[in-house]
Amino acid sequence: MNIEISIPEVIELVNEIYLAPEKLFEMMRLDIRKAAGEYLSAWLDQELTIHLGRKRYERCKITVNHRNGSYARKFTMKSIGEVEVKMPRDR
């Protein structure tokens, strides 16, 4: 993956950060919120996989319990803020 950036673009970015450093921190917080939400969603999905004893789309004739989609839920985490997590459901 190659990223090409010109000198004027770098200068513009540095000036924006210099004039409003809080924007940079807000962008970082948003990125951390998104990453935390994705991590927690994946963790919960993996936990359901362990609970059911089979992976997603894998069928089993013995049990009747299966995945039933997911729903969005928001949590407030200290120092991060509100994080949206996809809570998996089973039936």
PDB file of N, CA and C in Angstrom:
ATOM      1  N   MET A   1       0.840  -1.164   0.000  1.00  0.00           N
ATOM      2  CA  MET A   1       0.000   0.000   0.000  1.00  0.00           C
ATOM      3  C   MET A   1       0.893   1.237   0.000  1.00  0.00           C
ATOM      4  N   ASN A   2       0.786   2.031  -1.038  1.00  0.00           N
ATOM      5  CA  ASN A   2       1.559   3.259  -1.138  1.00  0.00           C
ATOM      6  C   ASN A   2       0.645   4.455  -0.933  1.00  0.00           C
ATOM      7  N   ILE A   3       1.096   5.360  -0.097  1.00  0.00           N
ATOM      8  CA  ILE A   3       0.354   6.596   0.136  1.00  0.00           C
ATOM      9  C   ILE A   3       1.222   7.738  -0.363  1.00  0.00           C
ATOM     10  N   GLU A   4       0.667   8.484  -1.285  1.00  0.00           N
ATOM     11  CA  GLU A   4       1.397   9.627  -1.807  1.00  0.00           C
ATOM     12  C   GLU A   4       0.780  10.896  -1.255  1.00  0.00           C
ATOM     13  N   ILE A   5       1.637  11.755  -0.738  1.00  0.00           N
ATOM     14  CA  ILE A   5       1.172  13.021  -0.171  1.00  0.00           C
ATOM     15  C   ILE A   5       2.165  14.099  -0.588  1.00  0.00           C
ATOM     16  N   SER A   6       1.643  15.249  -0.919  1.00  0.00           N
ATOM     17  CA  SER A   6       2.517  16.333  -1.384  1.00  0.00           C
ATOM     18  C   SER A   6       2.895  17.248  -0.212  1.00  0.00           C
ATOM     19  N   ILE A   7       3.925  18.026  -0.410  1.00  0.00           N
ATOM     20  CA  ILE A   7       4.406  18.954   0.621  1.00  0.00           C
ATOM     21  C   ILE A   7       3.325  19.976   1.003  1.00  0.00           C
ATOM     22  N   PRO A   8       2.605  20.580   0.056  1.00  0.00           N
ATOM     23  CA  PRO A   8       1.550  21.519   0.461  1.00  0.00           C
ATOM     24  C   PRO A   8       0.465  20.866   1.330  1.00  0.00           C
ATOM     25  N   GLU A   9       0.164  19.594   1.071  1.00  0.00           N
ATOM     26  CA  GLU A   9      -0.818  18.896   1.901  1.00  0.00           C
ATOM     27  C   GLU A   9      -0.311  18.712   3.331  1.00  0.00           C
ATOM     28  N   VAL A  10       0.973  18.412   3.472  1.00  0.00           N
ATOM     29  CA  VAL A  10       1.572  18.256   4.795  1.00  0.00           C
ATOM     30  C   VAL A  10       1.546  19.588   5.535  1.00  0.00           C
ATOM     31  N   ILE A  11       1.911  20.655   4.859  1.00  0.00           N
ATOM     32  CA  ILE A  11       1.913  21.984   5.477  1.00  0.00           C
ATOM     33  C   ILE A  11       0.503  22.375   5.911  1.00  0.00           C
ATOM     34  N   GLU A  12      -0.486  22.088   5.071  1.00  0.00           N
ATOM     35  CA  GLU A  12      -1.879  22.402   5.416  1.00  0.00           C
ATOM     36  C   GLU A  12      -2.321  21.614   6.650  1.00  0.00           C
ATOM     37  N   LEU A  13      -1.951  20.353   6.725  1.00  0.00           N
ATOM     38  CA  LEU A  13      -2.306  19.519   7.865  1.00  0.00           C
ATOM     39  C   LEU A  13      -1.657  20.030   9.153  1.00  0.00           C
ATOM     40  N   VAL A  14      -0.389  20.380   9.081  1.00  0.00           N
ATOM     41  CA  VAL A  14       0.316  20.905  10.255  1.00  0.00           C
ATOM     42  C   VAL A  14      -0.317  22.218  10.706  1.00  0.00           C
ATOM     43  N   ASN A  15      -0.675  23.081   9.780  1.00  0.00           N
ATOM     44  CA  ASN A  15      -1.327  24.341  10.139  1.00  0.00           C
ATOM     45  C   ASN A  15      -2.675  24.107  10.806  1.00  0.00           C
ATOM     46  N   GLU A  16      -3.459  23.156  10.293  1.00  0.00           N
ATOM     47  CA  GLU A  16      -4.746  22.835  10.909  1.00  0.00           C
ATOM     48  C   GLU A  16      -4.568  22.340  12.335  1.00  0.00           C
ATOM     49  N   ILE A  17      -3.585  21.485  12.551  1.00  0.00           N
ATOM     50  CA  ILE A  17      -3.315  20.972  13.897  1.00  0.00           C
ATOM     51  C   ILE A  17      -2.848  22.101  14.807  1.00  0.00           C
ATOM     52  N   TYR A  18      -2.021  22.984  14.287  1.00  0.00           N
ATOM     53  CA  TYR A  18      -1.524  24.108  15.080  1.00  0.00           C
ATOM     54  C   TYR A  18      -2.659  25.048  15.491  1.00  0.00           C
ATOM     55  N   LEU A  19      -3.578  25.329  14.571  1.00  0.00           N
ATOM     56  CA  LEU A  19      -4.669  26.261  14.851  1.00  0.00           C
ATOM     57  C   LEU A  19      -5.753  25.657  15.740  1.00  0.00           C
ATOM     58  N   ALA A  20      -6.010  24.371  15.606  1.00  0.00           N
ATOM     59  CA  ALA A  20      -7.075  23.737  16.390  1.00  0.00           C
ATOM     60  C   ALA A  20      -6.657  22.326  16.813  1.00  0.00           C
ATOM     61  N   PRO A  21      -5.799  22.220  17.831  1.00  0.00           N
ATOM     62  CA  PRO A  21      -5.332  20.888  18.246  1.00  0.00           C
ATOM     63  C   PRO A  21      -6.453  20.008  18.798  1.00  0.00           C
ATOM     64  N   GLU A  22      -7.524  20.617  19.298  1.00  0.00           N
ATOM     65  CA  GLU A  22      -8.624  19.814  19.829  1.00  0.00           C
ATOM     66  C   GLU A  22      -9.302  18.979  18.747  1.00  0.00           C
ATOM     67  N   LYS A  23      -9.249  19.424  17.496  1.00  0.00           N
ATOM     68  CA  LYS A  23      -9.820  18.637  16.397  1.00  0.00           C
ATOM     69  C   LYS A  23      -9.059  17.322  16.231  1.00  0.00           C
ATOM     70  N   LEU A  24      -7.749  17.374  16.374  1.00  0.00           N
ATOM     71  CA  LEU A  24      -6.934  16.164  16.249  1.00  0.00           C
ATOM     72  C   LEU A  24      -7.301  15.177  17.348  1.00  0.00           C
ATOM     73  N   PHE A  25      -7.429  15.670  18.573  1.00  0.00           N
ATOM     74  CA  PHE A  25      -7.776  14.783  19.678  1.00  0.00           C
ATOM     75  C   PHE A  25      -9.181  14.206  19.511  1.00  0.00           C
ATOM     76  N   GLU A  26     -10.105  14.987  18.989  1.00  0.00           N
ATOM     77  CA  GLU A  26     -11.461  14.498  18.760  1.00  0.00           C
ATOM     78  C   GLU A  26     -11.455  13.411  17.683  1.00  0.00           C
ATOM     79  N   MET A  27     -10.667  13.593  16.620  1.00  0.00           N
ATOM     80  CA  MET A  27     -10.558  12.571  15.579  1.00  0.00           C
ATOM     81  C   MET A  27      -9.961  11.286  16.164  1.00  0.00           C
ATOM     82  N   MET A  28      -8.969  11.431  17.043  1.00  0.00           N
ATOM     83  CA  MET A  28      -8.359  10.258  17.667  1.00  0.00           C
ATOM     84  C   MET A  28      -9.365   9.548  18.570  1.00  0.00           C
ATOM     85  N   ARG A  29     -10.155  10.312  19.322  1.00  0.00           N
ATOM     86  CA  ARG A  29     -11.167   9.716  20.191  1.00  0.00           C
ATOM     87  C   ARG A  29     -12.208   8.959  19.374  1.00  0.00           C
ATOM     88  N   LEU A  30     -12.633   9.549  18.250  1.00  0.00           N
ATOM     89  CA  LEU A  30     -13.611   8.875  17.401  1.00  0.00           C
ATOM     90  C   LEU A  30     -13.057   7.557  16.863  1.00  0.00           C
ATOM     91  N   ASP A  31     -11.783   7.578  16.473  1.00  0.00           N
ATOM     92  CA  ASP A  31     -11.153   6.368  15.955  1.00  0.00           C
ATOM     93  C   ASP A  31     -11.040   5.314  17.055  1.00  0.00           C
ATOM     94  N   ILE A  32     -10.710   5.732  18.263  1.00  0.00           N
ATOM     95  CA  ILE A  32     -10.604   4.799  19.388  1.00  0.00           C
ATOM     96  C   ILE A  32     -11.978   4.224  19.719  1.00  0.00           C
ATOM     97  N   ARG A  33     -13.012   5.063  19.690  1.00  0.00           N
ATOM     98  CA  ARG A  33     -14.375   4.577  19.947  1.00  0.00           C
ATOM     99  C   ARG A  33     -14.768   3.507  18.931  1.00  0.00           C
ATOM    100  N   LYS A  34     -14.477   3.776  17.674  1.00  0.00           N
ATOM    101  CA  LYS A  34     -14.832   2.825  16.618  1.00  0.00           C
ATOM    102  C   LYS A  34     -14.064   1.515  16.804  1.00  0.00           C
ATOM    103  N   ALA A  35     -12.770   1.600  17.076  1.00  0.00           N
ATOM    104  CA  ALA A  35     -11.949   0.403  17.259  1.00  0.00           C
ATOM    105  C   ALA A  35     -12.408  -0.387  18.480  1.00  0.00           C
ATOM    106  N   ALA A  36     -12.738   0.305  19.565  1.00  0.00           N
ATOM    107  CA  ALA A  36     -13.212  -0.380  20.773  1.00  0.00           C
ATOM    108  C   ALA A  36     -14.535  -1.075  20.507  1.00  0.00           C
ATOM    109  N   GLY A  37     -15.432  -0.426  19.775  1.00  0.00           N
ATOM    110  CA  GLY A  37     -16.713  -1.043  19.440  1.00  0.00           C
ATOM    111  C   GLY A  37     -16.545  -2.280  18.579  1.00  0.00           C
ATOM    112  N   GLU A  38     -15.677  -2.206  17.586  1.00  0.00           N
ATOM    113  CA  GLU A  38     -15.422  -3.354  16.719  1.00  0.00           C
ATOM    114  C   GLU A  38     -14.785  -4.503  17.496  1.00  0.00           C
ATOM    115  N   TYR A  39     -13.869  -4.170  18.408  1.00  0.00           N
ATOM    116  CA  TYR A  39     -13.208  -5.192  19.219  1.00  0.00           C
ATOM    117  C   TYR A  39     -14.215  -5.894  20.127  1.00  0.00           C
ATOM    118  N   LEU A  40     -15.045  -5.125  20.811  1.00  0.00           N
ATOM    119  CA  LEU A  40     -16.031  -5.709  21.711  1.00  0.00           C
ATOM    120  C   LEU A  40     -17.066  -6.540  20.946  1.00  0.00           C
ATOM    121  N   SER A  41     -17.463  -6.068  19.762  1.00  0.00           N
ATOM    122  CA  SER A  41     -18.415  -6.819  18.937  1.00  0.00           C
ATOM    123  C   SER A  41     -17.824  -8.166  18.525  1.00  0.00           C
ATOM    124  N   ALA A  42     -16.579  -8.162  18.102  1.00  0.00           N
ATOM    125  CA  ALA A  42     -15.912  -9.405  17.708  1.00  0.00           C
ATOM    126  C   ALA A  42     -15.749 -10.342  18.899  1.00  0.00           C
ATOM    127  N   TRP A  43     -15.444  -9.776  20.050  1.00  0.00           N
ATOM    128  CA  TRP A  43     -15.281 -10.563  21.271  1.00  0.00           C
ATOM    129  C   TRP A  43     -16.596 -11.246  21.656  1.00  0.00           C
ATOM    130  N   LEU A  44     -17.701 -10.497  21.611  1.00  0.00           N
ATOM    131  CA  LEU A  44     -19.006 -11.065  21.930  1.00  0.00           C
ATOM    132  C   LEU A  44     -19.419 -12.135  20.918  1.00  0.00           C
ATOM    133  N   ASP A  45     -19.096 -11.916  19.656  1.00  0.00           N
ATOM    134  CA  ASP A  45     -19.408 -12.906  18.629  1.00  0.00           C
ATOM    135  C   ASP A  45     -18.621 -14.191  18.873  1.00  0.00           C
ATOM    136  N   GLN A  46     -17.369 -14.045  19.259  1.00  0.00           N
ATOM    137  CA  GLN A  46     -16.537 -15.215  19.563  1.00  0.00           C
ATOM    138  C   GLN A  46     -17.066 -15.936  20.802  1.00  0.00           C
ATOM    139  N   GLU A  47     -17.526 -15.183  21.783  1.00  0.00           N
ATOM    140  CA  GLU A  47     -18.095 -15.787  22.984  1.00  0.00           C
ATOM    141  C   GLU A  47     -19.348 -16.607  22.641  1.00  0.00           C
ATOM    142  N   LEU A  48     -20.179 -16.098  21.736  1.00  0.00           N
ATOM    143  CA  LEU A  48     -21.361 -16.843  21.305  1.00  0.00           C
ATOM    144  C   LEU A  48     -20.954 -18.102  20.539  1.00  0.00           C
ATOM    145  N   THR A  49     -19.896 -18.015  19.764  1.00  0.00           N
ATOM    146  CA  THR A  49     -19.387 -19.191  19.043  1.00  0.00           C
ATOM    147  C   THR A  49     -18.989 -20.283  20.044  1.00  0.00           C
ATOM    148  N   ILE A  50     -18.326 -19.886  21.107  1.00  0.00           N
ATOM    149  CA  ILE A  50     -17.922 -20.858  22.130  1.00  0.00           C
ATOM    150  C   ILE A  50     -19.156 -21.421  22.836  1.00  0.00           C
ATOM    151  N   HIS A  51     -20.111 -20.556  23.142  1.00  0.00           N
ATOM    152  CA  HIS A  51     -21.333 -20.985  23.818  1.00  0.00           C
ATOM    153  C   HIS A  51     -22.121 -21.991  22.974  1.00  0.00           C
ATOM    154  N   LEU A  52     -22.254 -21.718  21.686  1.00  0.00           N
ATOM    155  CA  LEU A  52     -23.008 -22.613  20.802  1.00  0.00           C
ATOM    156  C   LEU A  52     -22.229 -23.873  20.443  1.00  0.00           C
ATOM    157  N   GLY A  53     -20.901 -23.791  20.491  1.00  0.00           N
ATOM    158  CA  GLY A  53     -20.068 -24.944  20.163  1.00  0.00           C
ATOM    159  C   GLY A  53     -19.846 -25.131  18.678  1.00  0.00           C
ATOM    160  N   ARG A  54     -20.135 -24.112  17.901  1.00  0.00           N
ATOM    161  CA  ARG A  54     -19.899 -24.201  16.449  1.00  0.00           C
ATOM    162  C   ARG A  54     -19.727 -22.793  15.886  1.00  0.00           C
ATOM    163  N   LYS A  55     -19.092 -22.735  14.716  1.00  0.00           N
ATOM    164  CA  LYS A  55     -18.830 -21.452  14.077  1.00  0.00           C
ATOM    165  C   LYS A  55     -20.063 -20.936  13.364  1.00  0.00           C
ATOM    166  N   ARG A  56     -19.976 -19.719  12.908  1.00  0.00           N
ATOM    167  CA  ARG A  56     -21.059 -19.092  12.155  1.00  0.00           C
ATOM    168  C   ARG A  56     -21.334 -19.911  10.880  1.00  0.00           C
ATOM    169  N   TYR A  57     -22.592 -20.099  10.553  1.00  0.00           N
ATOM    170  CA  TYR A  57     -23.083 -20.852   9.388  1.00  0.00           C
ATOM    171  C   TYR A  57     -22.816 -22.357   9.457  1.00  0.00           C
ATOM    172  N   GLU A  58     -22.318 -22.831  10.572  1.00  0.00           N
ATOM    173  CA  GLU A  58     -22.083 -24.262  10.735  1.00  0.00           C
ATOM    174  C   GLU A  58     -23.344 -24.881  11.354  1.00  0.00           C
ATOM    175  N   ARG A  59     -23.857 -25.943  10.753  1.00  0.00           N
ATOM    176  CA  ARG A  59     -25.095 -26.567  11.216  1.00  0.00           C
ATOM    177  C   ARG A  59     -24.809 -27.755  12.125  1.00  0.00           C
ATOM    178  N   CYS A  60     -25.760 -28.000  13.025  1.00  0.00           N
ATOM    179  CA  CYS A  60     -25.651 -29.128  13.940  1.00  0.00           C
ATOM    180  C   CYS A  60     -27.056 -29.689  14.151  1.00  0.00           C
ATOM    181  N   LYS A  61     -27.232 -30.986  14.020  1.00  0.00           N
ATOM    182  CA  LYS A  61     -28.559 -31.594  14.140  1.00  0.00           C
ATOM    183  C   LYS A  61     -28.958 -31.843  15.594  1.00  0.00           C
ATOM    184  N   ILE A  62     -28.008 -31.850  16.499  1.00  0.00           N
ATOM    185  CA  ILE A  62     -28.287 -32.204  17.892  1.00  0.00           C
ATOM    186  C   ILE A  62     -28.998 -31.068  18.636  1.00  0.00           C
ATOM    187  N   THR A  63     -28.486 -29.855  18.557  1.00  0.00           N
ATOM    188  CA  THR A  63     -29.058 -28.743  19.321  1.00  0.00           C
ATOM    189  C   THR A  63     -29.984 -27.906  18.445  1.00  0.00           C
ATOM    190  N   VAL A  64     -30.915 -27.238  19.088  1.00  0.00           N
ATOM    191  CA  VAL A  64     -31.829 -26.360  18.363  1.00  0.00           C
ATOM    192  C   VAL A  64     -31.445 -24.894  18.537  1.00  0.00           C
ATOM    193  N   ASN A  65     -30.488 -24.609  19.396  1.00  0.00           N
ATOM    194  CA  ASN A  65     -30.045 -23.239  19.625  1.00  0.00           C
ATOM    195  C   ASN A  65     -29.195 -22.763  18.442  1.00  0.00           C
ATOM    196  N   HIS A  66     -29.474 -21.579  17.937  1.00  0.00           N
ATOM    197  CA  HIS A  66     -28.722 -21.051  16.807  1.00  0.00           C
ATOM    198  C   HIS A  66     -28.656 -19.532  16.884  1.00  0.00           C
ATOM    199  N   ARG A  67     -27.829 -18.937  16.028  1.00  0.00           N
ATOM    200  CA  ARG A  67     -27.680 -17.477  15.987  1.00  0.00           C
ATOM    201  C   ARG A  67     -28.950 -16.843  15.453  1.00  0.00           C
ATOM    202  N   ASN A  68     -29.230 -15.644  15.965  1.00  0.00           N
ATOM    203  CA  ASN A  68     -30.433 -14.941  15.542  1.00  0.00           C
ATOM    204  C   ASN A  68     -30.106 -13.462  15.328  1.00  0.00           C
ATOM    205  N   GLY A  69     -29.080 -13.174  14.546  1.00  0.00           N
ATOM    206  CA  GLY A  69     -28.731 -11.797  14.221  1.00  0.00           C
ATOM    207  C   GLY A  69     -28.073 -11.057  15.378  1.00  0.00           C
ATOM    208  N   SER A  70     -28.186  -9.740  15.349  1.00  0.00           N
ATOM    209  CA  SER A  70     -27.606  -8.906  16.401  1.00  0.00           C
ATOM    210  C   SER A  70     -28.370  -7.596  16.471  1.00  0.00           C
ATOM    211  N   TYR A  71     -28.143  -6.867  17.545  1.00  0.00           N
ATOM    212  CA  TYR A  71     -28.750  -5.554  17.698  1.00  0.00           C
ATOM    213  C   TYR A  71     -27.693  -4.601  18.233  1.00  0.00           C
ATOM    214  N   ALA A  72     -27.865  -3.329  17.931  1.00  0.00           N
ATOM    215  CA  ALA A  72     -26.893  -2.319  18.350  1.00  0.00           C
ATOM    216  C   ALA A  72     -27.198  -1.861  19.771  1.00  0.00           C
ATOM    217  N   ARG A  73     -26.147  -1.648  20.531  1.00  0.00           N
ATOM    218  CA  ARG A  73     -26.287  -1.151  21.888  1.00  0.00           C
ATOM    219  C   ARG A  73     -25.132  -0.202  22.159  1.00  0.00           C
ATOM    220  N   LYS A  74     -25.399   0.852  22.897  1.00  0.00           N
ATOM    221  CA  LYS A  74     -24.367   1.836  23.199  1.00  0.00           C
ATOM    222  C   LYS A  74     -23.966   1.745  24.662  1.00  0.00           C
ATOM    223  N   PHE A  75     -22.654   1.793  24.898  1.00  0.00           N
ATOM    224  CA  PHE A  75     -22.090   1.792  26.236  1.00  0.00           C
ATOM    225  C   PHE A  75     -21.226   3.029  26.389  1.00  0.00           C
ATOM    226  N   THR A  76     -21.171   3.556  27.579  1.00  0.00           N
ATOM    227  CA  THR A  76     -20.279   4.675  27.862  1.00  0.00           C
ATOM    228  C   THR A  76     -19.069   4.124  28.602  1.00  0.00           C
ATOM    229  N   MET A  77     -17.899   4.331  28.018  1.00  0.00           N
ATOM    230  CA  MET A  77     -16.666   3.853  28.618  1.00  0.00           C
ATOM    231  C   MET A  77     -15.872   5.048  29.148  1.00  0.00           C
ATOM    232  N   LYS A  78     -15.300   4.869  30.305  1.00  0.00           N
ATOM    233  CA  LYS A  78     -14.529   5.922  30.930  1.00  0.00           C
ATOM    234  C   LYS A  78     -13.358   6.317  30.037  1.00  0.00           C
ATOM    235  N   SER A  79     -13.149   7.593  29.865  1.00  0.00           N
ATOM    236  CA  SER A  79     -12.058   8.202  29.084  1.00  0.00           C
ATOM    237  C   SER A  79     -12.215   8.029  27.574  1.00  0.00           C
ATOM    238  N   ILE A  80     -13.188   7.256  27.121  1.00  0.00           N
ATOM    239  CA  ILE A  80     -13.385   7.075  25.687  1.00  0.00           C
ATOM    240  C   ILE A  80     -14.679   7.732  25.242  1.00  0.00           C
ATOM    241  N   GLY A  81     -15.729   7.497  25.987  1.00  0.00           N
ATOM    242  CA  GLY A  81     -17.033   8.045  25.627  1.00  0.00           C
ATOM    243  C   GLY A  81     -17.979   6.944  25.222  1.00  0.00           C
ATOM    244  N   GLU A  82     -18.964   7.292  24.420  1.00  0.00           N
ATOM    245  CA  GLU A  82     -20.003   6.355  24.013  1.00  0.00           C
ATOM    246  C   GLU A  82     -19.504   5.458  22.884  1.00  0.00           C
ATOM    247  N   VAL A  83     -19.623   4.151  23.090  1.00  0.00           N
ATOM    248  CA  VAL A  83     -19.154   3.148  22.136  1.00  0.00           C
ATOM    249  C   VAL A  83     -20.352   2.316  21.690  1.00  0.00           C
ATOM    250  N   GLU A  84     -20.488   2.112  20.376  1.00  0.00           N
ATOM    251  CA  GLU A  84     -21.577   1.283  19.858  1.00  0.00           C
ATOM    252  C   GLU A  84     -21.073  -0.131  19.616  1.00  0.00           C
ATOM    253  N   VAL A  85     -21.819  -1.086  20.182  1.00  0.00           N
ATOM    254  CA  VAL A  85     -21.445  -2.493  20.112  1.00  0.00           C
ATOM    255  C   VAL A  85     -22.598  -3.273  19.480  1.00  0.00           C
ATOM    256  N   LYS A  86     -22.272  -4.226  18.613  1.00  0.00           N
ATOM    257  CA  LYS A  86     -23.286  -5.116  18.033  1.00  0.00           C
ATOM    258  C   LYS A  86     -23.391  -6.344  18.935  1.00  0.00           C
ATOM    259  N   MET A  87     -24.531  -6.469  19.598  1.00  0.00           N
ATOM    260  CA  MET A  87     -24.760  -7.580  20.534  1.00  0.00           C
ATOM    261  C   MET A  87     -25.365  -8.754  19.763  1.00  0.00           C
ATOM    262  N   PRO A  88     -24.662  -9.893  19.689  1.00  0.00           N
ATOM    263  CA  PRO A  88     -25.224 -11.040  18.972  1.00  0.00           C
ATOM    264  C   PRO A  88     -26.344 -11.695  19.790  1.00  0.00           C
ATOM    265  N   ARG A  89     -27.305 -12.261  19.074  1.00  0.00           N
ATOM    266  CA  ARG A  89     -28.426 -12.946  19.719  1.00  0.00           C
ATOM    267  C   ARG A  89     -28.391 -14.421  19.352  1.00  0.00           C
ATOM    268  N   ASP A  90     -28.949 -15.228  20.246  1.00  0.00           N
ATOM    269  CA  ASP A  90     -29.155 -16.638  19.915  1.00  0.00           C
ATOM    270  C   ASP A  90     -30.579 -16.999  20.250  1.00  0.00           C
ATOM    271  N   ARG A  91     -31.020 -18.099  19.714  1.00  0.00           N
ATOM    272  CA  ARG A  91     -32.399 -18.526  19.912  1.00  0.00           C
ATOM    273  C   ARG A  91     -32.403 -19.953  20.403  1.00  0.00           C
TER     274      ARG A  91
END
